[in-house]
Amino acid sequence: MTYLLDTQALIWAQDEPSKLGRAVVPTLQNPNCEVILSMATNWEIGIKIAIGKLKLSLPYRAWIAKAVSDLKLTVLPIRLDDIERQITLPFHHRDPFDRMIAAQALVEGIPVVSSDAIFDSYGVQRLWN
């Protein structure tokens, strides 16, 4: 099975795994599961660092590289299909990064690993508890 991590789930998985939902840890540790990281998440983290809303345990580039390696993540680029799908989403939520992650999950047909129930309103399957 393949899963798409949302931003908060990535941060917790790397720096505070005790905050993850009980269904998440076994999934992240399962060698038969592919876990994907959206470039939207990389972008969101970079913006939050730049505006002072986020401090990571390492400098940005080192932290991302370590997270990708530690969690064996596959990085998903933002493609035209993803942008086109995002355009059609209703405005349940105005966060552009969550909307892109929802669009990518819908395009890929995969669940999102997230504590945020807003993904449910987009018809995205969500893994947490």
C-alpha atoms as a PDB file:
ATOM      1  CA  MET A   1       0.000   0.000   0.000  1.00  0.00           C
ATOM      2  CA  THR A   2       1.106   3.577  -0.671  1.00  0.00           C
ATOM      3  CA  TYR A   3       0.519   6.553   1.629  1.00  0.00           C
ATOM      4  CA  LEU A   4       1.070  10.313   1.318  1.00  0.00           C
ATOM      5  CA  LEU A   5       2.363  12.085   4.445  1.00  0.00           C
ATOM      6  CA  ASP A   6       0.971  15.476   5.324  1.00  0.00           C
ATOM      7  CA  THR A   7       3.307  18.106   6.731  1.00  0.00           C
ATOM      8  CA  GLN A   8       2.502  17.718  10.413  1.00  0.00           C
ATOM      9  CA  ALA A   9       2.739  13.926  10.185  1.00  0.00           C
ATOM     10  CA  LEU A  10       6.193  14.250   8.628  1.00  0.00           C
ATOM     11  CA  ILE A  11       7.402  16.621  11.347  1.00  0.00           C
ATOM     12  CA  TRP A  12       6.066  14.372  14.092  1.00  0.00           C
ATOM     13  CA  ALA A  13       7.396  11.197  12.435  1.00  0.00           C
ATOM     14  CA  GLN A  14      10.871  12.690  12.335  1.00  0.00           C
ATOM     15  CA  ASP A  15      11.049  14.745  15.542  1.00  0.00           C
ATOM     16  CA  GLU A  16       8.199  13.645  17.850  1.00  0.00           C
ATOM     17  CA  PRO A  17       7.010  10.144  16.913  1.00  0.00           C
ATOM     18  CA  SER A  18       5.069   9.806  20.187  1.00  0.00           C
ATOM     19  CA  LYS A  19       2.524  12.265  18.715  1.00  0.00           C
ATOM     20  CA  LEU A  20       1.675   9.974  15.783  1.00  0.00           C
ATOM     21  CA  GLY A  21      -1.641   8.148  15.645  1.00  0.00           C
ATOM     22  CA  ARG A  22      -1.529   4.506  16.682  1.00  0.00           C
ATOM     23  CA  ALA A  23      -2.074   3.249  13.106  1.00  0.00           C
ATOM     24  CA  VAL A  24       0.756   5.370  11.708  1.00  0.00           C
ATOM     25  CA  VAL A  25       3.879   3.899  13.338  1.00  0.00           C
ATOM     26  CA  PRO A  26       3.301   0.310  12.105  1.00  0.00           C
ATOM     27  CA  THR A  27       2.585   1.675   8.625  1.00  0.00           C
ATOM     28  CA  LEU A  28       5.786   3.729   8.550  1.00  0.00           C
ATOM     29  CA  GLN A  29       7.764   0.698   9.742  1.00  0.00           C
ATOM     30  CA  ASN A  30       6.163  -1.739   7.284  1.00  0.00           C
ATOM     31  CA  PRO A  31       8.635  -2.511   4.462  1.00  0.00           C
ATOM     32  CA  ASN A  32       5.687  -3.365   2.186  1.00  0.00           C
ATOM     33  CA  CYS A  33       4.294   0.177   2.432  1.00  0.00           C
ATOM     34  CA  GLU A  34       5.541   2.996   0.251  1.00  0.00           C
ATOM     35  CA  VAL A  35       5.397   6.379   1.946  1.00  0.00           C
ATOM     36  CA  ILE A  36       5.397   9.447  -0.264  1.00  0.00           C
ATOM     37  CA  LEU A  37       6.397  13.002   0.565  1.00  0.00           C
ATOM     38  CA  SER A  38       4.886  15.766  -1.551  1.00  0.00           C
ATOM     39  CA  MET A  39       7.096  18.604  -2.731  1.00  0.00           C
ATOM     40  CA  ALA A  40       4.261  20.780  -1.380  1.00  0.00           C
ATOM     41  CA  THR A  41       5.305  19.647   2.100  1.00  0.00           C
ATOM     42  CA  ASN A  42       8.931  20.583   1.432  1.00  0.00           C
ATOM     43  CA  TRP A  43       7.772  23.992   0.256  1.00  0.00           C
ATOM     44  CA  GLU A  44       5.447  24.502   3.252  1.00  0.00           C
ATOM     45  CA  ILE A  45       8.206  23.629   5.719  1.00  0.00           C
ATOM     46  CA  GLY A  46      10.583  26.046   3.988  1.00  0.00           C
ATOM     47  CA  ILE A  47       8.047  28.860   4.174  1.00  0.00           C
ATOM     48  CA  LYS A  48       7.265  28.196   7.848  1.00  0.00           C
ATOM     49  CA  ILE A  49      10.965  28.265   8.697  1.00  0.00           C
ATOM     50  CA  ALA A  50      11.458  31.506   6.752  1.00  0.00           C
ATOM     51  CA  ILE A  51       8.648  33.294   8.590  1.00  0.00           C
ATOM     52  CA  GLY A  52       9.676  31.962  11.989  1.00  0.00           C
ATOM     53  CA  LYS A  53       6.723  29.617  12.576  1.00  0.00           C
ATOM     54  CA  LEU A  54       8.792  26.436  12.618  1.00  0.00           C
ATOM     55  CA  LYS A  55      12.118  25.343  14.034  1.00  0.00           C
ATOM     56  CA  LEU A  56      13.420  21.899  13.162  1.00  0.00           C
ATOM     57  CA  SER A  57      15.929  19.751  15.018  1.00  0.00           C
ATOM     58  CA  LEU A  58      18.476  20.316  12.200  1.00  0.00           C
ATOM     59  CA  PRO A  59      18.968  22.922   9.474  1.00  0.00           C
ATOM     60  CA  TYR A  60      16.313  22.583   6.748  1.00  0.00           C
ATOM     61  CA  ARG A  61      18.239  20.725   4.039  1.00  0.00           C
ATOM     62  CA  ALA A  62      19.887  18.322   6.488  1.00  0.00           C
ATOM     63  CA  TRP A  63      16.554  17.718   8.233  1.00  0.00           C
ATOM     64  CA  ILE A  64      14.705  16.935   4.981  1.00  0.00           C
ATOM     65  CA  ALA A  65      17.504  14.648   3.768  1.00  0.00           C
ATOM     66  CA  LYS A  66      17.518  12.801   7.095  1.00  0.00           C
ATOM     67  CA  ALA A  67      13.719  12.460   7.118  1.00  0.00           C
ATOM     68  CA  VAL A  68      13.688  11.089   3.559  1.00  0.00           C
ATOM     69  CA  SER A  69      16.420   8.609   4.464  1.00  0.00           C
ATOM     70  CA  ASP A  70      15.139   7.615   7.926  1.00  0.00           C
ATOM     71  CA  LEU A  71      11.536   7.159   6.793  1.00  0.00           C
ATOM     72  CA  LYS A  72      12.467   5.761   3.360  1.00  0.00           C
ATOM     73  CA  LEU A  73      10.297   8.335   1.629  1.00  0.00           C
ATOM     74  CA  THR A  74       9.699   8.734  -2.075  1.00  0.00           C
ATOM     75  CA  VAL A  75       9.410  12.399  -3.089  1.00  0.00           C
ATOM     76  CA  LEU A  76       6.403  13.237  -5.257  1.00  0.00           C
ATOM     77  CA  PRO A  77       6.751  16.254  -7.539  1.00  0.00           C
ATOM     78  CA  ILE A  78       3.864  18.628  -8.149  1.00  0.00           C
ATOM     79  CA  ARG A  79       2.562  17.900 -11.634  1.00  0.00           C
ATOM     80  CA  LEU A  80       0.060  19.638 -13.904  1.00  0.00           C
ATOM     81  CA  ASP A  81      -2.538  16.922 -13.143  1.00  0.00           C
ATOM     82  CA  ASP A  82      -2.196  17.737  -9.429  1.00  0.00           C
ATOM     83  CA  ILE A  83      -2.636  21.472 -10.019  1.00  0.00           C
ATOM     84  CA  GLU A  84      -5.613  20.863 -12.291  1.00  0.00           C
ATOM     85  CA  ARG A  85      -7.246  18.636  -9.640  1.00  0.00           C
ATOM     86  CA  GLN A  86      -6.558  21.221  -6.916  1.00  0.00           C
ATOM     87  CA  ILE A  87      -8.341  23.863  -8.985  1.00  0.00           C
ATOM     88  CA  THR A  88     -11.535  21.787  -8.912  1.00  0.00           C
ATOM     89  CA  LEU A  89     -11.554  21.189  -5.146  1.00  0.00           C
ATOM     90  CA  PRO A  90     -14.219  22.949  -3.110  1.00  0.00           C
ATOM     91  CA  PHE A  91     -12.936  25.522  -0.625  1.00  0.00           C
ATOM     92  CA  HIS A  92     -13.482  23.519   2.567  1.00  0.00           C
ATOM     93  CA  HIS A  93     -10.066  24.763   3.537  1.00  0.00           C
ATOM     94  CA  ARG A  94      -7.971  27.659   2.254  1.00  0.00           C
ATOM     95  CA  ASP A  95      -4.542  26.256   3.133  1.00  0.00           C
ATOM     96  CA  PRO A  96      -2.879  25.851  -0.282  1.00  0.00           C
ATOM     97  CA  PHE A  97      -0.521  23.130   0.943  1.00  0.00           C
ATOM     98  CA  ASP A  98      -3.258  20.941   2.400  1.00  0.00           C
ATOM     99  CA  ARG A  99      -5.305  21.484  -0.750  1.00  0.00           C
ATOM    100  CA  MET A 100      -2.365  20.352  -2.888  1.00  0.00           C
ATOM    101  CA  ILE A 101      -1.780  17.284  -0.702  1.00  0.00           C
ATOM    102  CA  ALA A 102      -5.501  16.453  -0.996  1.00  0.00           C
ATOM    103  CA  ALA A 103      -5.356  16.894  -4.769  1.00  0.00           C
ATOM    104  CA  GLN A 104      -2.285  14.681  -5.051  1.00  0.00           C
ATOM    105  CA  ALA A 105      -3.908  11.985  -2.900  1.00  0.00           C
ATOM    106  CA  LEU A 106      -6.958  12.062  -5.159  1.00  0.00           C
ATOM    107  CA  VAL A 107      -4.907  11.985  -8.370  1.00  0.00           C
ATOM    108  CA  GLU A 108      -2.758   9.122  -7.051  1.00  0.00           C
ATOM    109  CA  GLY A 109      -5.716   7.332  -5.447  1.00  0.00           C
ATOM    110  CA  ILE A 110      -3.895   6.946  -2.133  1.00  0.00           C
ATOM    111  CA  PRO A 111      -4.644   7.752   1.522  1.00  0.00           C
ATOM    112  CA  VAL A 112      -3.097  10.647   3.419  1.00  0.00           C
ATOM    113  CA  VAL A 113      -1.361  10.107   6.743  1.00  0.00           C
ATOM    114  CA  SER A 114      -2.745  12.985   8.790  1.00  0.00           C
ATOM    115  CA  SER A 115      -4.388  13.918  12.074  1.00  0.00           C
ATOM    116  CA  ASP A 116      -6.277  16.673  10.226  1.00  0.00           C
ATOM    117  CA  ALA A 117      -9.907  15.704   9.547  1.00  0.00           C
ATOM    118  CA  ILE A 118     -10.173  18.416   6.856  1.00  0.00           C
ATOM    119  CA  PHE A 119      -8.920  15.823   4.361  1.00  0.00           C
ATOM    120  CA  ASP A 120     -12.109  13.818   4.977  1.00  0.00           C
ATOM    121  CA  SER A 121     -14.213  16.628   3.515  1.00  0.00           C
ATOM    122  CA  TYR A 122     -12.360  16.238   0.203  1.00  0.00           C
ATOM    123  CA  GLY A 123     -13.151  12.540  -0.004  1.00  0.00           C
ATOM    124  CA  VAL A 124      -9.553  11.613   0.725  1.00  0.00           C
ATOM    125  CA  GLN A 125      -9.020   8.404   2.667  1.00  0.00           C
ATOM    126  CA  ARG A 126      -7.036   9.183   5.809  1.00  0.00           C
ATOM    127  CA  LEU A 127      -4.854   7.047   8.052  1.00  0.00           C
ATOM    128  CA  TRP A 128      -4.324   8.098  11.658  1.00  0.00           C
ATOM    129  CA  ASN A 129      -5.942   6.116  14.504  1.00  0.00           C
END
